[in-house]
Each structure stands twice: as structure tokens, then as C-alpha cells.
Amino acid sequence: MVSTAGRPGDAPARSKRADALRNQQTLLAAAAEVFVTSGVDAPIRQIAARAGVGVGTIYRNFPTRADLVVAVYRHQVEACAEAGPALLAASASPLAALRQWVDLFVDFLVTKHGLANALQADSGFEALHTYFLDRLVPVCTQLLDAAVDAGEVRPGTQAYELMRGIGNLCIGRDGDPRYDPRRLIELLLQGLRRPRSS
């Protein structure tokens, strides 16, 4: 059997793939930011400018707007899923980690509602929603369980119902500057807290 470990060109090919992946992640992060501020119908040139790439680069990676929207959706789900354990490890307490994660989740939901509207005619949206639940419910469960175990949150709240409640509070934000869902979400989180014994 011939070893391929020392073949010339292997490392550059790998690093080229890593660069391409990094560039794609940068592009998706930029698109998500633009979608939050300008909606999913924002001009592609605005996304390209935010990402520091040419418009052609976006079309090479994502031939249609729907392709880009789906990729941003998946990118944000993954970022939110990966943030949970990292916040739990780095935060002062499980409740602090839960609060920070909810903040990221709200950022995602603001984008998600626009994405859902853009994709509602797409038959694949149900599969994306299932993917969203499969990835994020376990993360929220882990954060809630840790906060309950630490005595910071009263037991009995399920991750799905918390996420659903937060999602419902975020829906009303669309186009109404008088409504701030984060204030009500903070009240919701305060309601989860275990009362201190006197």
C-alpha cells in the first residue's frame, strides 16, 4: 500500500479548502447582519460590501437568493447551537449563560422570521424547521437543567415551551418601533428564577 501523506500539493489543497470555508463563514455572517438590519430582500451588493467580497463571489457560492437564505439560516442555527456549551463553560453562572444564550437566540429569531417569510413557498422549509428544533432544543435543555441544578431557576419549564414563548414575543417586533420584545423576554426570564429563601 502506498502512503499518500507526503504527496506534494496535499497541504495547499487542504489550506485552500479551509480558506474557502472561512470565507464562506464570513460571507454568511455578513449576510445575517444585513438581513437583521435591512431584511432578506436587501441588495446583494450590500451583503458583498459588508463581507468585503465582490458580488460575483456571492453568486458563485449561492446562485439564488433562496440558496443564500437557507445557508444563513443553517449558519445561524449552528452558531446558536455551538454557543450554548461555550457560554455554560465560560459564564459566571448557568443563569448568566442562559441569559446570554437567549440574547443570541433572539438575534437569530429576528432574522428567522424574515427567512421564514422568504422561504414559506419552499417545500424544504419544514425540514429546516425540524433541523432548527433538533439542534437547539437540546442546547436550551442543557442550559435550563444546569440553572435548575444550581438552584437559580425553578424546575418544570421545558426548553421547547421557553423557546416557543420567546419566539412568540419576537413576532410582534416586525415594523413596530414601539415594541421591544427584549424587555418582555427579560420579564419572562425573571419569572423562571427560583425565589430566594428568606
Protein backbone atom coordinates (compact mmCIF):
# COMPACT_ATOMS: atom_id res chain seq x y z
CA MET A 1 0.00 0.00 0.00
CA VAL A 2 1.43 3.40 -0.98
CA SER A 3 1.30 6.22 1.57
CA THR A 4 -0.16 9.50 0.32
CA ALA A 5 0.87 11.53 3.35
CA GLY A 6 3.84 13.14 1.68
CA ARG A 7 2.30 13.85 -1.69
CA PRO A 8 3.12 17.33 -2.85
CA GLY A 9 0.05 19.53 -3.10
CA ASP A 10 -1.96 17.85 -0.33
CA ALA A 11 -1.40 20.59 2.28
CA PRO A 12 -2.07 23.52 -0.08
CA ALA A 13 -5.30 21.85 -1.22
CA ARG A 14 -6.38 21.42 2.40
CA SER A 15 -5.49 25.00 3.31
CA LYS A 16 -7.30 26.26 0.20
CA ARG A 17 -10.41 24.38 1.34
CA ALA A 18 -10.02 25.84 4.85
CA ASP A 19 -9.69 29.36 3.38
CA ALA A 20 -12.78 28.82 1.24
CA LEU A 21 -14.73 27.63 4.27
CA ARG A 22 -13.57 30.62 6.33
CA ASN A 23 -14.55 32.98 3.50
CA GLN A 24 -17.96 31.36 3.25
CA GLN A 25 -18.49 31.69 7.04
CA THR A 26 -17.53 35.39 6.83
CA LEU A 27 -19.95 35.87 3.95
CA LEU A 28 -22.79 34.14 5.83
CA ALA A 29 -22.15 36.19 8.98
CA ALA A 30 -22.24 39.38 6.90
CA ALA A 31 -25.46 38.29 5.18
CA ALA A 32 -27.08 37.57 8.56
CA GLU A 33 -26.13 41.05 9.83
CA VAL A 34 -27.56 42.68 6.70
CA PHE A 35 -30.73 40.59 6.92
CA VAL A 36 -31.27 41.74 10.53
CA THR A 37 -30.94 45.44 9.66
CA SER A 38 -32.33 45.53 6.11
CA GLY A 39 -34.42 42.37 5.69
CA VAL A 40 -33.90 39.35 3.47
CA ASP A 41 -34.62 41.38 0.34
CA ALA A 42 -31.54 43.56 0.93
CA PRO A 43 -29.44 44.14 -2.19
CA ILE A 44 -26.74 41.52 -2.77
CA ARG A 45 -24.21 44.34 -3.24
CA GLN A 46 -24.89 45.45 0.38
CA ILE A 47 -24.04 41.95 1.62
CA ALA A 48 -20.95 41.84 -0.59
CA ALA A 49 -19.77 45.20 0.78
CA ARG A 50 -20.29 44.05 4.39
CA ALA A 51 -18.37 40.83 3.69
CA GLY A 52 -15.60 42.62 1.77
CA VAL A 53 -16.10 40.50 -1.36
CA GLY A 54 -17.35 41.04 -4.88
CA VAL A 55 -20.96 40.37 -5.86
CA GLY A 56 -19.72 37.58 -8.14
CA THR A 57 -18.27 35.74 -5.14
CA ILE A 58 -21.71 35.59 -3.54
CA TYR A 59 -23.34 34.27 -6.72
CA ARG A 60 -20.58 31.68 -7.14
CA ASN A 61 -21.31 30.34 -3.67
CA PHE A 62 -25.08 30.89 -3.68
CA PRO A 63 -26.60 31.03 -7.17
CA THR A 64 -30.04 32.15 -5.92
CA ARG A 65 -31.27 34.30 -3.05
CA ALA A 66 -33.10 31.25 -1.65
CA ASP A 67 -29.76 29.36 -1.55
CA LEU A 68 -28.24 32.23 0.43
CA VAL A 69 -31.22 32.49 2.78
CA VAL A 70 -31.14 28.74 3.56
CA ALA A 71 -27.36 28.87 4.12
CA VAL A 72 -27.71 31.85 6.51
CA TYR A 73 -30.48 30.02 8.39
CA ARG A 74 -28.30 26.92 8.84
CA HIS A 75 -25.24 29.02 9.72
CA GLN A 76 -27.16 30.82 12.46
CA VAL A 77 -28.63 27.62 13.86
CA GLU A 78 -25.13 26.16 14.13
CA ALA A 79 -23.71 29.31 15.74
CA CYS A 80 -26.52 29.30 18.30
CA ALA A 81 -26.09 25.58 18.99
CA GLU A 82 -22.32 25.87 19.48
CA ALA A 83 -22.67 28.94 21.71
CA GLY A 84 -24.65 27.11 24.41
CA PRO A 85 -21.93 24.80 25.78
CA ALA A 86 -19.28 27.52 25.33
CA LEU A 87 -21.31 30.02 27.36
CA LEU A 88 -22.01 27.43 30.04
CA ALA A 89 -18.27 26.78 30.39
CA ALA A 90 -17.26 30.45 30.41
CA SER A 91 -20.05 32.24 32.31
CA ALA A 92 -20.14 33.10 36.00
CA SER A 93 -23.28 31.01 36.49
CA PRO A 94 -25.66 28.79 34.49
CA LEU A 95 -28.34 31.51 34.67
CA ALA A 96 -25.89 34.06 33.22
CA ALA A 97 -25.12 31.58 30.42
CA LEU A 98 -28.84 31.06 29.78
CA ARG A 99 -29.44 34.82 29.59
CA GLN A 100 -26.58 35.30 27.11
CA TRP A 101 -27.79 32.38 25.02
CA VAL A 102 -31.35 33.74 24.97
CA ASP A 103 -29.92 37.05 23.71
CA LEU A 104 -28.22 35.21 20.81
CA PHE A 105 -31.39 33.20 20.21
CA VAL A 106 -33.41 36.44 19.93
CA ASP A 107 -30.92 37.81 17.38
CA PHE A 108 -31.40 34.61 15.41
CA LEU A 109 -35.21 34.75 15.67
CA VAL A 110 -35.31 38.30 14.33
CA THR A 111 -33.55 37.01 11.22
CA LYS A 112 -35.50 33.74 11.21
CA HIS A 113 -38.89 35.43 10.87
CA GLY A 114 -37.72 37.19 7.73
CA LEU A 115 -36.18 33.97 6.46
CA ALA A 116 -39.40 32.07 7.13
CA ASN A 117 -41.38 34.60 5.09
CA ALA A 118 -38.86 34.37 2.26
CA LEU A 119 -38.96 30.56 2.25
CA GLN A 120 -42.60 29.81 3.06
CA ALA A 121 -43.30 28.83 -0.54
CA ASP A 122 -40.32 26.47 -0.46
CA SER A 123 -41.29 22.88 0.30
CA GLY A 124 -37.99 22.39 2.15
CA PHE A 125 -38.81 24.89 4.90
CA GLU A 126 -40.45 22.25 7.13
CA ALA A 127 -37.20 20.24 7.06
CA LEU A 128 -35.29 23.39 8.07
CA HIS A 129 -37.66 23.98 10.97
CA THR A 130 -37.17 20.38 12.14
CA TYR A 131 -33.39 20.88 11.89
CA PHE A 132 -33.74 24.08 13.96
CA LEU A 133 -35.61 22.22 16.74
CA ASP A 134 -33.31 19.17 16.64
CA ARG A 135 -30.22 21.35 17.08
CA LEU A 136 -31.45 24.00 19.52
CA VAL A 137 -33.91 22.31 21.90
CA PRO A 138 -31.16 20.08 23.41
CA VAL A 139 -28.89 23.12 23.89
CA CYS A 140 -31.62 25.08 25.65
CA THR A 141 -32.41 21.97 27.75
CA GLN A 142 -28.77 21.73 28.84
CA LEU A 143 -28.72 25.40 29.89
CA LEU A 144 -32.06 25.17 31.73
CA ASP A 145 -31.07 21.94 33.52
CA ALA A 146 -27.77 23.48 34.65
CA ALA A 147 -29.60 26.54 36.01
CA VAL A 148 -32.12 24.30 37.83
CA ASP A 149 -29.31 22.16 39.29
CA ALA A 150 -27.57 25.33 40.51
CA GLY A 151 -30.78 26.41 42.27
CA GLU A 152 -31.10 29.54 40.12
CA VAL A 153 -34.21 28.55 38.15
CA ARG A 154 -37.32 26.80 39.35
CA PRO A 155 -37.82 23.32 37.85
CA GLY A 156 -40.64 22.42 35.50
CA THR A 157 -40.08 24.64 32.45
CA GLN A 158 -39.42 22.72 29.25
CA ALA A 159 -36.91 24.07 26.72
CA TYR A 160 -39.39 23.83 23.85
CA GLU A 161 -42.03 25.91 25.65
CA LEU A 162 -39.45 28.53 26.65
CA MET A 163 -38.16 28.80 23.08
CA ARG A 164 -41.72 28.92 21.73
CA GLY A 165 -42.64 31.68 24.20
CA ILE A 166 -39.57 33.72 23.26
CA GLY A 167 -40.36 33.18 19.58
CA ASN A 168 -43.93 34.39 20.03
CA LEU A 169 -42.73 37.52 21.82
CA CYS A 170 -40.34 38.25 18.92
CA ILE A 171 -43.03 38.03 16.22
CA GLY A 172 -44.62 41.34 17.20
CA ARG A 173 -41.39 43.27 16.61
CA ASP A 174 -41.80 43.39 12.82
CA GLY A 175 -42.00 47.00 11.71
CA ASP A 176 -43.18 48.45 15.05
CA PRO A 177 -40.55 50.63 16.77
CA ARG A 178 -42.81 50.95 19.86
CA TYR A 179 -42.45 47.25 20.65
CA ASP A 180 -39.29 45.84 22.26
CA PRO A 181 -39.51 42.08 22.71
CA ARG A 182 -36.31 42.00 24.78
CA ARG A 183 -38.00 43.83 27.66
CA LEU A 184 -40.77 41.23 27.83
CA ILE A 185 -38.29 38.37 27.41
CA GLU A 186 -36.39 39.74 30.41
CA LEU A 187 -39.64 39.61 32.41
CA LEU A 188 -40.14 36.03 31.22
CA LEU A 189 -36.63 35.07 32.40
CA GLN A 190 -37.22 36.78 35.75
CA GLY A 191 -40.32 34.62 36.14
CA LEU A 192 -38.17 31.49 35.78
CA ARG A 193 -35.97 32.41 38.72
CA ARG A 194 -36.25 30.40 41.89
CA PRO A 195 -37.30 32.73 44.74
CA ARG A 196 -34.59 33.26 47.32
CA SER A 197 -35.44 31.76 50.67
CA SER A 198 -35.55 34.37 53.43
